[in-house]
Amino acid sequence: MKASEFNTDVLRGGMATTAFSAGVVVVSFLLASLLAGEADALTINHVSSKTKRPTTWLIDGNNFLGQRGVHGLPRDGDKLAEKLLPISISEGGSPNEAVMLVFDGRKEVDLERTRSELGESFTKVQLEHGFIADDFLIEEIKAIRDSDPSRRVKLVTADKRLRAQALGIRPTVKQVVNPKVFWKKYVPRMSGQKKNPTPHLPRNSGENDGN
């Protein structure tokens, strides 16, 4: 082998080694960047999954009052509103979740619709005669869906037809809770009267139960 040929082979080998080393560096850099990106994505997803969406509770007032066999449940709309008012206020005195309690219009009594702000985040709506809460609640859910897509609605009713209509408006309607379950389990907890001893475990609370 001539000296020139030997030098050429050595040069080619050196260039190949350099190219290989450079390739390893590039791959390592890309891999590190990819892993870092995945870590950031996981962190973002983790944070977003922990972010609590704003929630509005919509309560079918007349259906609530019509429940039987519930200890301590008022039979008057104003008294029911008074009992439910604390659920919209956290222990620290700041708003917790928005609550709207809606009643059917009564003949020869409710000549016009009234909307009473009983608290910073608690509203009582008394419809005028000829209008029922079912229709109003569905329209309210649609209005929330259109104006605030991030907000979720939890409906309190035992009316199967209303329940089915509401659950059809996904993902805005998160759940439908039976009034008896709401009165016995949710009201004490939301008003600060009762703590959840196992907040990390799901409750067998009867949500989405129309019976």
C-alpha atoms as a PDB file:
ATOM      1  CA  MET A   1       0.000   0.000   0.000  1.00  0.00           C
ATOM      2  CA  LYS A   2       1.279   3.384  -0.914  1.00  0.00           C
ATOM      3  CA  ALA A   3       1.699   6.058   1.732  1.00  0.00           C
ATOM      4  CA  SER A   4      -0.856   8.275   0.012  1.00  0.00           C
ATOM      5  CA  GLU A   5      -3.434   5.482   0.024  1.00  0.00           C
ATOM      6  CA  PHE A   6      -2.725   4.777   3.700  1.00  0.00           C
ATOM      7  CA  ASN A   7      -3.180   8.444   4.596  1.00  0.00           C
ATOM      8  CA  THR A   8      -6.445   8.553   2.650  1.00  0.00           C
ATOM      9  CA  ASP A   9      -7.815   5.507   4.513  1.00  0.00           C
ATOM     10  CA  VAL A  10      -6.807   6.991   7.846  1.00  0.00           C
ATOM     11  CA  LEU A  11      -8.457  10.268   6.923  1.00  0.00           C
ATOM     12  CA  ARG A  12     -11.659   8.510   5.873  1.00  0.00           C
ATOM     13  CA  GLY A  13     -11.681   6.511   9.100  1.00  0.00           C
ATOM     14  CA  GLY A  14     -11.221   9.637  11.144  1.00  0.00           C
ATOM     15  CA  MET A  15     -14.028  11.400   9.352  1.00  0.00           C
ATOM     16  CA  ALA A  16     -16.316   8.402   9.845  1.00  0.00           C
ATOM     17  CA  THR A  17     -15.508   8.321  13.563  1.00  0.00           C
ATOM     18  CA  THR A  18     -16.146  12.051  13.834  1.00  0.00           C
ATOM     19  CA  ALA A  19     -19.454  11.738  11.977  1.00  0.00           C
ATOM     20  CA  PHE A  20     -20.526   8.850  14.195  1.00  0.00           C
ATOM     21  CA  SER A  21     -19.638  10.793  17.338  1.00  0.00           C
ATOM     22  CA  ALA A  22     -21.544  13.809  16.090  1.00  0.00           C
ATOM     23  CA  GLY A  23     -24.532  11.608  15.330  1.00  0.00           C
ATOM     24  CA  VAL A  24     -24.452  10.189  18.850  1.00  0.00           C
ATOM     25  CA  VAL A  25     -24.380  13.705  20.284  1.00  0.00           C
ATOM     26  CA  VAL A  26     -27.330  14.807  18.149  1.00  0.00           C
ATOM     27  CA  VAL A  27     -29.392  11.738  19.044  1.00  0.00           C
ATOM     28  CA  SER A  28     -28.584  12.203  22.735  1.00  0.00           C
ATOM     29  CA  PHE A  29     -29.631  15.850  22.541  1.00  0.00           C
ATOM     30  CA  LEU A  30     -32.890  15.026  20.781  1.00  0.00           C
ATOM     31  CA  LEU A  31     -33.644  12.256  23.260  1.00  0.00           C
ATOM     32  CA  ALA A  32     -32.996  14.556  26.205  1.00  0.00           C
ATOM     33  CA  SER A  33     -35.220  17.231  24.675  1.00  0.00           C
ATOM     34  CA  LEU A  34     -37.975  14.706  24.048  1.00  0.00           C
ATOM     35  CA  LEU A  35     -37.835  13.402  27.605  1.00  0.00           C
ATOM     36  CA  ALA A  36     -37.867  16.948  28.958  1.00  0.00           C
ATOM     37  CA  GLY A  37     -40.871  17.769  26.791  1.00  0.00           C
ATOM     38  CA  GLU A  38     -42.721  14.691  27.993  1.00  0.00           C
ATOM     39  CA  ALA A  39     -41.944  15.616  31.585  1.00  0.00           C
ATOM     40  CA  ASP A  40     -43.306  19.126  31.019  1.00  0.00           C
ATOM     41  CA  ALA A  41     -46.405  17.684  29.371  1.00  0.00           C
ATOM     42  CA  LEU A  42     -46.952  15.305  32.260  1.00  0.00           C
ATOM     43  CA  THR A  43     -46.579  18.181  34.704  1.00  0.00           C
ATOM     44  CA  ILE A  44     -49.046  20.321  32.758  1.00  0.00           C
ATOM     45  CA  ASN A  45     -51.538  17.462  32.494  1.00  0.00           C
ATOM     46  CA  HIS A  46     -51.130  16.715  36.178  1.00  0.00           C
ATOM     47  CA  VAL A  47     -51.784  20.318  37.124  1.00  0.00           C
ATOM     48  CA  SER A  48     -54.775  20.653  34.781  1.00  0.00           C
ATOM     49  CA  SER A  49     -56.279  17.412  36.090  1.00  0.00           C
ATOM     50  CA  LYS A  50     -56.109  18.824  39.592  1.00  0.00           C
ATOM     51  CA  THR A  51     -57.703  22.134  38.631  1.00  0.00           C
ATOM     52  CA  LYS A  52     -61.279  22.242  39.861  1.00  0.00           C
ATOM     53  CA  ARG A  53     -63.773  23.498  37.318  1.00  0.00           C
ATOM     54  CA  PRO A  54     -66.327  26.116  38.396  1.00  0.00           C
ATOM     55  CA  THR A  55     -69.623  24.435  39.269  1.00  0.00           C
ATOM     56  CA  THR A  56     -73.263  25.480  39.408  1.00  0.00           C
ATOM     57  CA  TRP A  57     -75.842  23.465  41.336  1.00  0.00           C
ATOM     58  CA  LEU A  58     -79.318  23.684  39.800  1.00  0.00           C
ATOM     59  CA  ILE A  59     -82.095  22.493  42.113  1.00  0.00           C
ATOM     60  CA  ASP A  60     -85.598  21.484  41.053  1.00  0.00           C
ATOM     61  CA  GLY A  61     -87.424  23.147  43.962  1.00  0.00           C
ATOM     62  CA  ASN A  62     -90.923  21.643  43.699  1.00  0.00           C
ATOM     63  CA  ASN A  63     -89.524  18.177  43.072  1.00  0.00           C
ATOM     64  CA  PHE A  64     -87.364  18.627  46.159  1.00  0.00           C
ATOM     65  CA  LEU A  65     -90.316  19.705  48.315  1.00  0.00           C
ATOM     66  CA  GLY A  66     -92.334  16.723  47.073  1.00  0.00           C
ATOM     67  CA  GLN A  67     -89.971  14.109  48.478  1.00  0.00           C
ATOM     68  CA  ARG A  68     -91.502  11.966  51.194  1.00  0.00           C
ATOM     69  CA  GLY A  69     -89.949  10.253  54.180  1.00  0.00           C
ATOM     70  CA  VAL A  70     -87.077  12.743  54.517  1.00  0.00           C
ATOM     71  CA  HIS A  71     -86.481  13.885  58.086  1.00  0.00           C
ATOM     72  CA  GLY A  72     -86.294  17.640  58.547  1.00  0.00           C
ATOM     73  CA  LEU A  73     -87.148  18.530  54.952  1.00  0.00           C
ATOM     74  CA  PRO A  74     -89.218  21.754  54.821  1.00  0.00           C
ATOM     75  CA  ARG A  75     -92.501  21.870  52.893  1.00  0.00           C
ATOM     76  CA  ASP A  76     -92.219  25.553  52.087  1.00  0.00           C
ATOM     77  CA  GLY A  77     -90.069  27.094  49.367  1.00  0.00           C
ATOM     78  CA  ASP A  78     -88.753  29.978  51.458  1.00  0.00           C
ATOM     79  CA  LYS A  79     -87.814  27.667  54.321  1.00  0.00           C
ATOM     80  CA  LEU A  80     -86.110  25.266  51.923  1.00  0.00           C
ATOM     81  CA  ALA A  81     -84.069  28.142  50.509  1.00  0.00           C
ATOM     82  CA  GLU A  82     -83.103  29.157  54.047  1.00  0.00           C
ATOM     83  CA  LYS A  83     -81.964  25.604  54.835  1.00  0.00           C
ATOM     84  CA  LEU A  84     -79.949  25.314  51.630  1.00  0.00           C
ATOM     85  CA  LEU A  85     -78.295  28.744  51.740  1.00  0.00           C
ATOM     86  CA  PRO A  86     -75.240  27.558  53.771  1.00  0.00           C
ATOM     87  CA  ILE A  87     -74.182  25.137  51.016  1.00  0.00           C
ATOM     88  CA  SER A  88     -73.074  28.057  48.850  1.00  0.00           C
ATOM     89  CA  ILE A  89     -70.687  29.387  51.490  1.00  0.00           C
ATOM     90  CA  SER A  90     -67.420  27.728  52.508  1.00  0.00           C
ATOM     91  CA  GLU A  91     -66.247  27.643  56.124  1.00  0.00           C
ATOM     92  CA  GLY A  92     -64.014  30.632  55.527  1.00  0.00           C
ATOM     93  CA  GLY A  93     -66.999  32.735  54.520  1.00  0.00           C
ATOM     94  CA  SER A  94     -66.115  32.919  50.828  1.00  0.00           C
ATOM     95  CA  PRO A  95     -68.277  31.635  47.972  1.00  0.00           C
ATOM     96  CA  ASN A  96     -67.967  27.904  47.402  1.00  0.00           C
ATOM     97  CA  GLU A  97     -70.149  26.912  44.437  1.00  0.00           C
ATOM     98  CA  ALA A  98     -72.996  28.746  42.722  1.00  0.00           C
ATOM     99  CA  VAL A  99     -76.476  27.484  43.625  1.00  0.00           C
ATOM    100  CA  MET A 100     -79.792  28.175  41.886  1.00  0.00           C
ATOM    101  CA  LEU A 101     -83.061  26.984  43.405  1.00  0.00           C
ATOM    102  CA  VAL A 102     -85.989  27.112  40.976  1.00  0.00           C
ATOM    103  CA  PHE A 103     -89.746  26.779  41.678  1.00  0.00           C
ATOM    104  CA  ASP A 104     -92.750  26.332  39.385  1.00  0.00           C
ATOM    105  CA  GLY A 105     -95.090  29.276  38.950  1.00  0.00           C
ATOM    106  CA  ARG A 106     -98.194  29.132  41.168  1.00  0.00           C
ATOM    107  CA  LYS A 107    -101.666  29.962  39.888  1.00  0.00           C
ATOM    108  CA  GLU A 108    -103.017  33.343  41.013  1.00  0.00           C
ATOM    109  CA  VAL A 109     -99.912  33.844  43.150  1.00  0.00           C
ATOM    110  CA  ASP A 110     -96.930  34.302  40.886  1.00  0.00           C
ATOM    111  CA  LEU A 111     -97.954  36.941  38.394  1.00  0.00           C
ATOM    112  CA  GLU A 112     -94.368  37.541  37.316  1.00  0.00           C
ATOM    113  CA  ARG A 113     -90.993  35.889  37.598  1.00  0.00           C
ATOM    114  CA  THR A 114     -88.916  36.887  40.584  1.00  0.00           C
ATOM    115  CA  ARG A 115     -85.203  36.341  41.057  1.00  0.00           C
ATOM    116  CA  SER A 116     -83.883  36.743  44.595  1.00  0.00           C
ATOM    117  CA  GLU A 117     -80.162  36.872  45.361  1.00  0.00           C
ATOM    118  CA  LEU A 118     -80.147  35.346  48.854  1.00  0.00           C
ATOM    119  CA  GLY A 119     -76.379  35.225  49.040  1.00  0.00           C
ATOM    120  CA  GLU A 120     -73.312  36.082  47.004  1.00  0.00           C
ATOM    121  CA  SER A 121     -73.665  32.806  45.097  1.00  0.00           C
ATOM    122  CA  PHE A 122     -77.183  31.598  45.966  1.00  0.00           C
ATOM    123  CA  THR A 123     -80.142  32.521  43.767  1.00  0.00           C
ATOM    124  CA  LYS A 124     -83.795  31.642  44.232  1.00  0.00           C
ATOM    125  CA  VAL A 125     -85.989  31.819  41.120  1.00  0.00           C
ATOM    126  CA  GLN A 126     -89.775  31.814  41.407  1.00  0.00           C
ATOM    127  CA  LEU A 127     -91.310  31.412  37.973  1.00  0.00           C
ATOM    128  CA  GLU A 128     -94.540  33.053  36.930  1.00  0.00           C
ATOM    129  CA  HIS A 129     -97.768  31.060  36.620  1.00  0.00           C
ATOM    130  CA  GLY A 130     -97.797  28.838  33.551  1.00  0.00           C
ATOM    131  CA  PHE A 131     -94.058  28.120  33.617  1.00  0.00           C
ATOM    132  CA  ILE A 132     -92.407  25.078  35.184  1.00  0.00           C
ATOM    133  CA  ALA A 133     -88.924  24.587  36.573  1.00  0.00           C
ATOM    134  CA  ASP A 134     -88.087  21.722  34.191  1.00  0.00           C
ATOM    135  CA  ASP A 135     -88.101  23.935  31.098  1.00  0.00           C
ATOM    136  CA  PHE A 136     -86.303  26.772  32.857  1.00  0.00           C
ATOM    137  CA  LEU A 137     -83.552  24.456  34.151  1.00  0.00           C
ATOM    138  CA  ILE A 138     -82.850  22.997  30.708  1.00  0.00           C
ATOM    139  CA  GLU A 139     -82.628  26.483  29.212  1.00  0.00           C
ATOM    140  CA  GLU A 140     -80.326  27.537  32.052  1.00  0.00           C
ATOM    141  CA  ILE A 141     -78.028  24.568  31.407  1.00  0.00           C
ATOM    142  CA  LYS A 142     -77.829  25.469  27.711  1.00  0.00           C
ATOM    143  CA  ALA A 143     -77.102  29.100  28.589  1.00  0.00           C
ATOM    144  CA  ILE A 144     -74.247  28.030  30.876  1.00  0.00           C
ATOM    145  CA  ARG A 145     -72.888  25.728  28.173  1.00  0.00           C
ATOM    146  CA  ASP A 146     -72.843  28.567  25.641  1.00  0.00           C
ATOM    147  CA  SER A 147     -71.561  31.349  27.904  1.00  0.00           C
ATOM    148  CA  ASP A 148     -69.052  29.428  30.033  1.00  0.00           C
ATOM    149  CA  PRO A 149     -67.991  26.103  28.445  1.00  0.00           C
ATOM    150  CA  SER A 150     -65.578  25.340  31.284  1.00  0.00           C
ATOM    151  CA  ARG A 151     -68.336  25.439  33.917  1.00  0.00           C
ATOM    152  CA  ARG A 152     -69.989  22.205  35.004  1.00  0.00           C
ATOM    153  CA  VAL A 153     -73.585  21.761  36.164  1.00  0.00           C
ATOM    154  CA  LYS A 154     -74.838  19.400  38.856  1.00  0.00           C
ATOM    155  CA  LEU A 155     -78.601  18.978  38.847  1.00  0.00           C
ATOM    156  CA  VAL A 156     -80.731  17.966  41.829  1.00  0.00           C
ATOM    157  CA  THR A 157     -83.998  16.276  40.830  1.00  0.00           C
ATOM    158  CA  ALA A 158     -85.824  12.952  40.935  1.00  0.00           C
ATOM    159  CA  ASP A 159     -87.742  13.721  37.742  1.00  0.00           C
ATOM    160  CA  LYS A 160     -86.681  11.028  35.274  1.00  0.00           C
ATOM    161  CA  ARG A 161     -87.605  13.021  32.177  1.00  0.00           C
ATOM    162  CA  LEU A 162     -85.680  16.081  33.342  1.00  0.00           C
ATOM    163  CA  ARG A 163     -82.763  13.877  34.356  1.00  0.00           C
ATOM    164  CA  ALA A 164     -82.590  12.295  30.888  1.00  0.00           C
ATOM    165  CA  GLN A 165     -82.766  15.679  29.145  1.00  0.00           C
ATOM    166  CA  ALA A 166     -80.051  17.137  31.346  1.00  0.00           C
ATOM    167  CA  LEU A 167     -77.668  14.215  30.945  1.00  0.00           C
ATOM    168  CA  GLY A 168     -77.976  14.670  27.199  1.00  0.00           C
ATOM    169  CA  ILE A 169     -76.205  18.024  27.520  1.00  0.00           C
ATOM    170  CA  ARG A 170     -72.666  16.726  27.892  1.00  0.00           C
ATOM    171  CA  PRO A 171     -70.099  17.573  29.087  1.00  0.00           C
ATOM    172  CA  THR A 172     -71.745  20.555  30.802  1.00  0.00           C
ATOM    173  CA  VAL A 173     -73.950  18.374  33.022  1.00  0.00           C
ATOM    174  CA  LYS A 174     -71.579  16.466  35.232  1.00  0.00           C
ATOM    175  CA  GLN A 175     -74.112  14.560  37.324  1.00  0.00           C
ATOM    176  CA  VAL A 176     -77.717  14.374  38.517  1.00  0.00           C
ATOM    177  CA  VAL A 177     -78.314  13.810  42.221  1.00  0.00           C
ATOM    178  CA  ASN A 178     -81.499  12.535  43.831  1.00  0.00           C
ATOM    179  CA  PRO A 179     -82.974  15.121  46.271  1.00  0.00           C
ATOM    180  CA  LYS A 180     -83.104  12.611  49.139  1.00  0.00           C
ATOM    181  CA  VAL A 181     -79.412  11.811  48.684  1.00  0.00           C
ATOM    182  CA  PHE A 182     -78.599  15.503  48.332  1.00  0.00           C
ATOM    183  CA  TRP A 183     -80.446  16.380  51.552  1.00  0.00           C
ATOM    184  CA  LYS A 184     -78.964  13.559  53.610  1.00  0.00           C
ATOM    185  CA  LYS A 185     -75.378  13.526  52.353  1.00  0.00           C
ATOM    186  CA  TYR A 186     -74.505  16.602  50.326  1.00  0.00           C
ATOM    187  CA  VAL A 187     -76.140  19.359  52.380  1.00  0.00           C
ATOM    188  CA  PRO A 188     -74.368  18.467  55.646  1.00  0.00           C
ATOM    189  CA  ARG A 189     -71.015  18.146  53.898  1.00  0.00           C
ATOM    190  CA  MET A 190     -71.308  21.246  51.721  1.00  0.00           C
ATOM    191  CA  SER A 191     -72.504  23.413  54.596  1.00  0.00           C
ATOM    192  CA  GLY A 192     -69.605  22.320  56.793  1.00  0.00           C
ATOM    193  CA  GLN A 193     -71.685  20.245  59.203  1.00  0.00           C
ATOM    194  CA  LYS A 194     -70.076  16.960  58.215  1.00  0.00           C
ATOM    195  CA  LYS A 195     -66.578  16.122  57.054  1.00  0.00           C
ATOM    196  CA  ASN A 196     -65.665  13.439  54.545  1.00  0.00           C
ATOM    197  CA  PRO A 197     -63.353  11.038  56.463  1.00  0.00           C
ATOM    198  CA  THR A 198     -62.036   9.497  53.231  1.00  0.00           C
ATOM    199  CA  PRO A 199     -61.858  12.284  50.618  1.00  0.00           C
ATOM    200  CA  HIS A 200     -59.618  10.123  48.409  1.00  0.00           C
ATOM    201  CA  LEU A 201     -62.312   7.460  48.027  1.00  0.00           C
ATOM    202  CA  PRO A 202     -65.465   7.760  45.874  1.00  0.00           C
ATOM    203  CA  ARG A 203     -68.734   8.000  47.746  1.00  0.00           C
ATOM    204  CA  ASN A 204     -71.605   5.595  47.145  1.00  0.00           C
ATOM    205  CA  SER A 205     -74.005   8.495  47.244  1.00  0.00           C
ATOM    206  CA  GLY A 206     -76.625   7.555  44.711  1.00  0.00           C
ATOM    207  CA  GLU A 207     -75.677  10.157  42.124  1.00  0.00           C
ATOM    208  CA  ASN A 208     -77.471   9.808  38.817  1.00  0.00           C
ATOM    209  CA  ASP A 209     -80.224   7.883  40.580  1.00  0.00           C
ATOM    210  CA  GLY A 210     -83.608   9.007  39.457  1.00  0.00           C
ATOM    211  CA  ASN A 211     -85.497   6.933  42.034  1.00  0.00           C
END
